[in-house]
Amino acid sequence: MPLLEQRLARQSINMISKNKIKHGVGEGIMHIEKALLLFIVAGTVWAAGYDIVAMFAGQGKMALADLFLLFIYAEILGMVGAFYKDHRIPVTLPLIIAMTALTRMIILQTKGNEPLDIIFESGGILILAISAYIMSAKDKISLDKLSIRNSNEEA
């Protein structure tokens, strides 16, 4: 009997130490993630500030492509803010950023481009917009299902 008790004690100690290691690794990864997100925020704010100063110093005005660039910066900050608020990044935000980036690219590069290239780039925006709509609808359906499931569990 003492041998069995010793074996059980060793197994429980091993399980406890494995759980502590898993917890420590998870915490470490979360701290690294938060540090990277703070770096992204700082880099975005710095880049936006630099571009705003460059827009007014060099051009004396703001072009449409510049506004799209600032919108991209704002969306990146919004995505990080959404992560801190909900602890998840909505899939639609990166899709919106990609649509804005493609729009900015079209505005900047349409002079001298083949019309077919512009059509392909516009098609990419359309595909991203359809994807964003589908993902938004899926999220709404998932939230509705969760609400129904929670109300059934309460009843």
C-alpha atoms as a PDB file:
ATOM      1  CA  MET A   1       0.000   0.000   0.000  1.00  0.00           C
ATOM      2  CA  PRO A   2       2.719   2.578   0.761  1.00  0.00           C
ATOM      3  CA  LEU A   3       4.174   1.956  -2.724  1.00  0.00           C
ATOM      4  CA  LEU A   4       0.837   2.804  -4.343  1.00  0.00           C
ATOM      5  CA  GLU A   5       0.529   5.965  -2.256  1.00  0.00           C
ATOM      6  CA  GLN A   6       4.050   7.034  -3.218  1.00  0.00           C
ATOM      7  CA  ARG A   7       3.292   6.468  -6.889  1.00  0.00           C
ATOM      8  CA  LEU A   8       0.068   8.495  -6.659  1.00  0.00           C
ATOM      9  CA  ALA A   9       1.883  11.294  -4.831  1.00  0.00           C
ATOM     10  CA  ARG A  10       4.577  11.414  -7.553  1.00  0.00           C
ATOM     11  CA  GLN A  11       1.938  11.481 -10.295  1.00  0.00           C
ATOM     12  CA  SER A  12       0.050  14.322  -8.636  1.00  0.00           C
ATOM     13  CA  ILE A  13       3.295  16.289  -8.161  1.00  0.00           C
ATOM     14  CA  ASN A  14       4.148  15.731 -11.843  1.00  0.00           C
ATOM     15  CA  MET A  15       0.682  16.889 -12.902  1.00  0.00           C
ATOM     16  CA  ILE A  16       0.930  19.996 -10.744  1.00  0.00           C
ATOM     17  CA  SER A  17       4.362  20.897 -12.131  1.00  0.00           C
ATOM     18  CA  LYS A  18       3.165  20.292 -15.725  1.00  0.00           C
ATOM     19  CA  ASN A  19       0.183  22.556 -15.115  1.00  0.00           C
ATOM     20  CA  LYS A  20       2.468  25.246 -13.686  1.00  0.00           C
ATOM     21  CA  ILE A  21       4.705  25.000 -16.757  1.00  0.00           C
ATOM     22  CA  LYS A  22       1.726  25.215 -19.128  1.00  0.00           C
ATOM     23  CA  HIS A  23       0.350  28.176 -17.207  1.00  0.00           C
ATOM     24  CA  GLY A  24       3.751  29.887 -17.218  1.00  0.00           C
ATOM     25  CA  VAL A  25       4.203  29.362 -20.960  1.00  0.00           C
ATOM     26  CA  GLY A  26       0.698  30.675 -21.631  1.00  0.00           C
ATOM     27  CA  GLU A  27       1.304  33.741 -19.483  1.00  0.00           C
ATOM     28  CA  GLY A  28       4.645  34.362 -21.188  1.00  0.00           C
ATOM     29  CA  ILE A  29       3.062  34.203 -24.634  1.00  0.00           C
ATOM     30  CA  MET A  30       0.319  36.600 -23.553  1.00  0.00           C
ATOM     31  CA  HIS A  31       2.914  39.098 -22.268  1.00  0.00           C
ATOM     32  CA  ILE A  32       4.850  38.853 -25.548  1.00  0.00           C
ATOM     33  CA  GLU A  33       1.623  39.387 -27.481  1.00  0.00           C
ATOM     34  CA  LYS A  34       0.771  42.479 -25.444  1.00  0.00           C
ATOM     35  CA  ALA A  35       4.276  43.860 -25.916  1.00  0.00           C
ATOM     36  CA  LEU A  36       4.040  43.344 -29.672  1.00  0.00           C
ATOM     37  CA  LEU A  37       0.640  45.029 -29.772  1.00  0.00           C
ATOM     38  CA  LEU A  38       2.018  48.009 -27.860  1.00  0.00           C
ATOM     39  CA  PHE A  39       4.900  48.146 -30.344  1.00  0.00           C
ATOM     40  CA  ILE A  40       2.364  48.102 -33.198  1.00  0.00           C
ATOM     41  CA  VAL A  41       0.429  50.962 -31.567  1.00  0.00           C
ATOM     42  CA  ALA A  42       3.585  53.009 -31.004  1.00  0.00           C
ATOM     43  CA  GLY A  43       4.789  52.361 -34.555  1.00  0.00           C
ATOM     44  CA  THR A  44       1.404  53.246 -36.025  1.00  0.00           C
ATOM     45  CA  VAL A  45       1.165  56.493 -34.060  1.00  0.00           C
ATOM     46  CA  TRP A  46       4.746  57.398 -34.998  1.00  0.00           C
ATOM     47  CA  ALA A  47       4.164  56.617 -38.700  1.00  0.00           C
ATOM     48  CA  ALA A  48       0.880  58.545 -38.751  1.00  0.00           C
ATOM     49  CA  GLY A  49       2.487  61.552 -37.093  1.00  0.00           C
ATOM     50  CA  TYR A  50       5.445  61.432 -39.461  1.00  0.00           C
ATOM     51  CA  ASP A  51       3.165  61.204 -42.496  1.00  0.00           C
ATOM     52  CA  ILE A  52       0.930  64.037 -41.294  1.00  0.00           C
ATOM     53  CA  VAL A  53       3.938  66.304 -40.822  1.00  0.00           C
ATOM     54  CA  ALA A  54       5.309  65.255 -44.235  1.00  0.00           C
ATOM     55  CA  MET A  55       1.941  65.906 -45.904  1.00  0.00           C
ATOM     56  CA  PHE A  56       1.749  69.467 -44.700  1.00  0.00           C
ATOM     57  CA  ALA A  57       5.452  70.259 -44.915  1.00  0.00           C
ATOM     58  CA  GLY A  58       5.999  68.886 -48.405  1.00  0.00           C
ATOM     59  CA  GLN A  59       2.681  69.402 -50.157  1.00  0.00           C
ATOM     60  CA  GLY A  60       0.926  72.001 -48.077  1.00  0.00           C
ATOM     61  CA  LYS A  61      -2.254  70.020 -48.648  1.00  0.00           C
ATOM     62  CA  MET A  62      -3.669  66.571 -48.159  1.00  0.00           C
ATOM     63  CA  ALA A  63      -4.437  64.353 -51.160  1.00  0.00           C
ATOM     64  CA  LEU A  64      -7.071  61.621 -51.279  1.00  0.00           C
ATOM     65  CA  ALA A  65      -4.385  58.917 -51.094  1.00  0.00           C
ATOM     66  CA  ASP A  66      -3.085  60.565 -47.911  1.00  0.00           C
ATOM     67  CA  LEU A  67      -6.531  60.348 -46.339  1.00  0.00           C
ATOM     68  CA  PHE A  68      -6.709  56.654 -47.179  1.00  0.00           C
ATOM     69  CA  LEU A  69      -3.316  56.158 -45.542  1.00  0.00           C
ATOM     70  CA  LEU A  70      -4.532  57.890 -42.376  1.00  0.00           C
ATOM     71  CA  PHE A  71      -7.653  55.721 -42.471  1.00  0.00           C
ATOM     72  CA  ILE A  72      -5.422  52.626 -42.577  1.00  0.00           C
ATOM     73  CA  TYR A  73      -3.557  53.895 -39.519  1.00  0.00           C
ATOM     74  CA  ALA A  74      -6.862  54.495 -37.734  1.00  0.00           C
ATOM     75  CA  GLU A  75      -8.099  50.997 -38.597  1.00  0.00           C
ATOM     76  CA  ILE A  76      -4.913  49.416 -37.255  1.00  0.00           C
ATOM     77  CA  LEU A  77      -5.356  51.314 -33.990  1.00  0.00           C
ATOM     78  CA  GLY A  78      -9.016  50.278 -33.937  1.00  0.00           C
ATOM     79  CA  MET A  79      -8.051  46.651 -34.435  1.00  0.00           C
ATOM     80  CA  VAL A  80      -5.629  46.737 -31.497  1.00  0.00           C
ATOM     81  CA  GLY A  81      -8.264  48.534 -29.408  1.00  0.00           C
ATOM     82  CA  ALA A  82     -10.841  45.881 -30.289  1.00  0.00           C
ATOM     83  CA  PHE A  83      -8.410  43.187 -29.219  1.00  0.00           C
ATOM     84  CA  TYR A  84      -7.859  44.829 -25.832  1.00  0.00           C
ATOM     85  CA  LYS A  85     -11.600  45.318 -25.347  1.00  0.00           C
ATOM     86  CA  ASP A  86     -12.857  41.871 -26.427  1.00  0.00           C
ATOM     87  CA  HIS A  87      -9.633  39.826 -26.345  1.00  0.00           C
ATOM     88  CA  ARG A  88     -10.177  38.858 -29.969  1.00  0.00           C
ATOM     89  CA  ILE A  89      -9.648  40.525 -33.324  1.00  0.00           C
ATOM     90  CA  PRO A  90     -12.741  40.665 -35.525  1.00  0.00           C
ATOM     91  CA  VAL A  91     -11.906  39.173 -38.925  1.00  0.00           C
ATOM     92  CA  THR A  92     -13.658  42.021 -40.715  1.00  0.00           C
ATOM     93  CA  LEU A  93     -11.158  44.662 -39.550  1.00  0.00           C
ATOM     94  CA  PRO A  94      -8.156  43.238 -41.457  1.00  0.00           C
ATOM     95  CA  LEU A  95     -10.421  42.827 -44.491  1.00  0.00           C
ATOM     96  CA  ILE A  96     -11.401  46.507 -44.288  1.00  0.00           C
ATOM     97  CA  ILE A  97      -7.733  47.461 -43.953  1.00  0.00           C
ATOM     98  CA  ALA A  98      -6.923  45.398 -47.042  1.00  0.00           C
ATOM     99  CA  MET A  99      -9.757  47.037 -49.004  1.00  0.00           C
ATOM    100  CA  THR A 100      -8.510  50.476 -48.001  1.00  0.00           C
ATOM    101  CA  ALA A 101      -4.938  49.583 -48.954  1.00  0.00           C
ATOM    102  CA  LEU A 102      -6.062  48.327 -52.382  1.00  0.00           C
ATOM    103  CA  THR A 103      -8.116  51.485 -52.890  1.00  0.00           C
ATOM    104  CA  ARG A 104      -5.111  53.624 -52.013  1.00  0.00           C
ATOM    105  CA  MET A 105      -2.963  51.606 -54.413  1.00  0.00           C
ATOM    106  CA  ILE A 106      -5.468  52.135 -57.229  1.00  0.00           C
ATOM    107  CA  ILE A 107      -5.522  55.875 -56.575  1.00  0.00           C
ATOM    108  CA  LEU A 108      -1.734  56.124 -56.479  1.00  0.00           C
ATOM    109  CA  GLN A 109      -0.963  53.874 -59.449  1.00  0.00           C
ATOM    110  CA  THR A 110      -3.788  54.318 -61.956  1.00  0.00           C
ATOM    111  CA  LYS A 111      -1.889  56.741 -64.145  1.00  0.00           C
ATOM    112  CA  GLY A 112      -0.323  54.750 -66.949  1.00  0.00           C
ATOM    113  CA  ASN A 113      -1.635  51.389 -65.765  1.00  0.00           C
ATOM    114  CA  GLU A 114      -3.476  49.007 -67.979  1.00  0.00           C
ATOM    115  CA  PRO A 115      -7.246  49.233 -67.532  1.00  0.00           C
ATOM    116  CA  LEU A 116      -7.335  45.467 -67.007  1.00  0.00           C
ATOM    117  CA  ASP A 117      -5.029  45.828 -63.987  1.00  0.00           C
ATOM    118  CA  ILE A 118      -7.411  48.346 -62.441  1.00  0.00           C
ATOM    119  CA  ILE A 119     -10.327  45.978 -63.052  1.00  0.00           C
ATOM    120  CA  PHE A 120      -8.426  43.139 -61.337  1.00  0.00           C
ATOM    121  CA  GLU A 121      -7.575  45.347 -58.364  1.00  0.00           C
ATOM    122  CA  SER A 122     -11.199  46.481 -58.136  1.00  0.00           C
ATOM    123  CA  GLY A 123     -12.248  42.837 -58.305  1.00  0.00           C
ATOM    124  CA  GLY A 124      -9.983  42.171 -55.345  1.00  0.00           C
ATOM    125  CA  ILE A 125     -11.750  44.893 -53.400  1.00  0.00           C
ATOM    126  CA  LEU A 126     -15.115  43.370 -54.339  1.00  0.00           C
ATOM    127  CA  ILE A 127     -13.989  39.913 -53.178  1.00  0.00           C
ATOM    128  CA  LEU A 128     -12.768  41.370 -49.878  1.00  0.00           C
ATOM    129  CA  ALA A 129     -16.050  43.269 -49.441  1.00  0.00           C
ATOM    130  CA  ILE A 130     -18.081  40.110 -50.049  1.00  0.00           C
ATOM    131  CA  SER A 131     -15.844  38.251 -47.580  1.00  0.00           C
ATOM    132  CA  ALA A 132     -16.337  40.967 -44.965  1.00  0.00           C
ATOM    133  CA  TYR A 133     -20.116  40.800 -45.458  1.00  0.00           C
ATOM    134  CA  ILE A 134     -20.127  37.002 -45.136  1.00  0.00           C
ATOM    135  CA  MET A 135     -17.976  37.120 -42.002  1.00  0.00           C
ATOM    136  CA  SER A 136     -20.222  39.801 -40.461  1.00  0.00           C
ATOM    137  CA  ALA A 137     -23.308  37.736 -41.236  1.00  0.00           C
ATOM    138  CA  LYS A 138     -21.639  34.622 -39.789  1.00  0.00           C
ATOM    139  CA  ASP A 139     -20.764  36.500 -36.607  1.00  0.00           C
ATOM    140  CA  LYS A 140     -24.344  37.737 -36.279  1.00  0.00           C
ATOM    141  CA  ILE A 141     -25.720  34.220 -36.778  1.00  0.00           C
ATOM    142  CA  SER A 142     -23.224  32.834 -34.244  1.00  0.00           C
ATOM    143  CA  LEU A 143     -24.210  35.478 -31.689  1.00  0.00           C
ATOM    144  CA  ASP A 144     -27.900  34.731 -32.307  1.00  0.00           C
ATOM    145  CA  LYS A 145     -27.271  31.003 -31.781  1.00  0.00           C
ATOM    146  CA  LEU A 146     -25.349  31.723 -28.580  1.00  0.00           C
ATOM    147  CA  SER A 147     -28.174  33.927 -27.320  1.00  0.00           C
ATOM    148  CA  ILE A 148     -30.749  31.214 -28.050  1.00  0.00           C
ATOM    149  CA  ARG A 149     -28.568  28.554 -26.392  1.00  0.00           C
ATOM    150  CA  ASN A 150     -28.128  30.713 -23.288  1.00  0.00           C
ATOM    151  CA  SER A 151     -31.856  31.408 -23.042  1.00  0.00           C
ATOM    152  CA  ASN A 152     -32.607  27.659 -23.393  1.00  0.00           C
ATOM    153  CA  GLU A 153     -30.117  26.814 -20.637  1.00  0.00           C
ATOM    154  CA  GLU A 154     -31.739  29.366 -18.313  1.00  0.00           C
ATOM    155  CA  ALA A 155     -35.211  27.931 -18.882  1.00  0.00           C
END
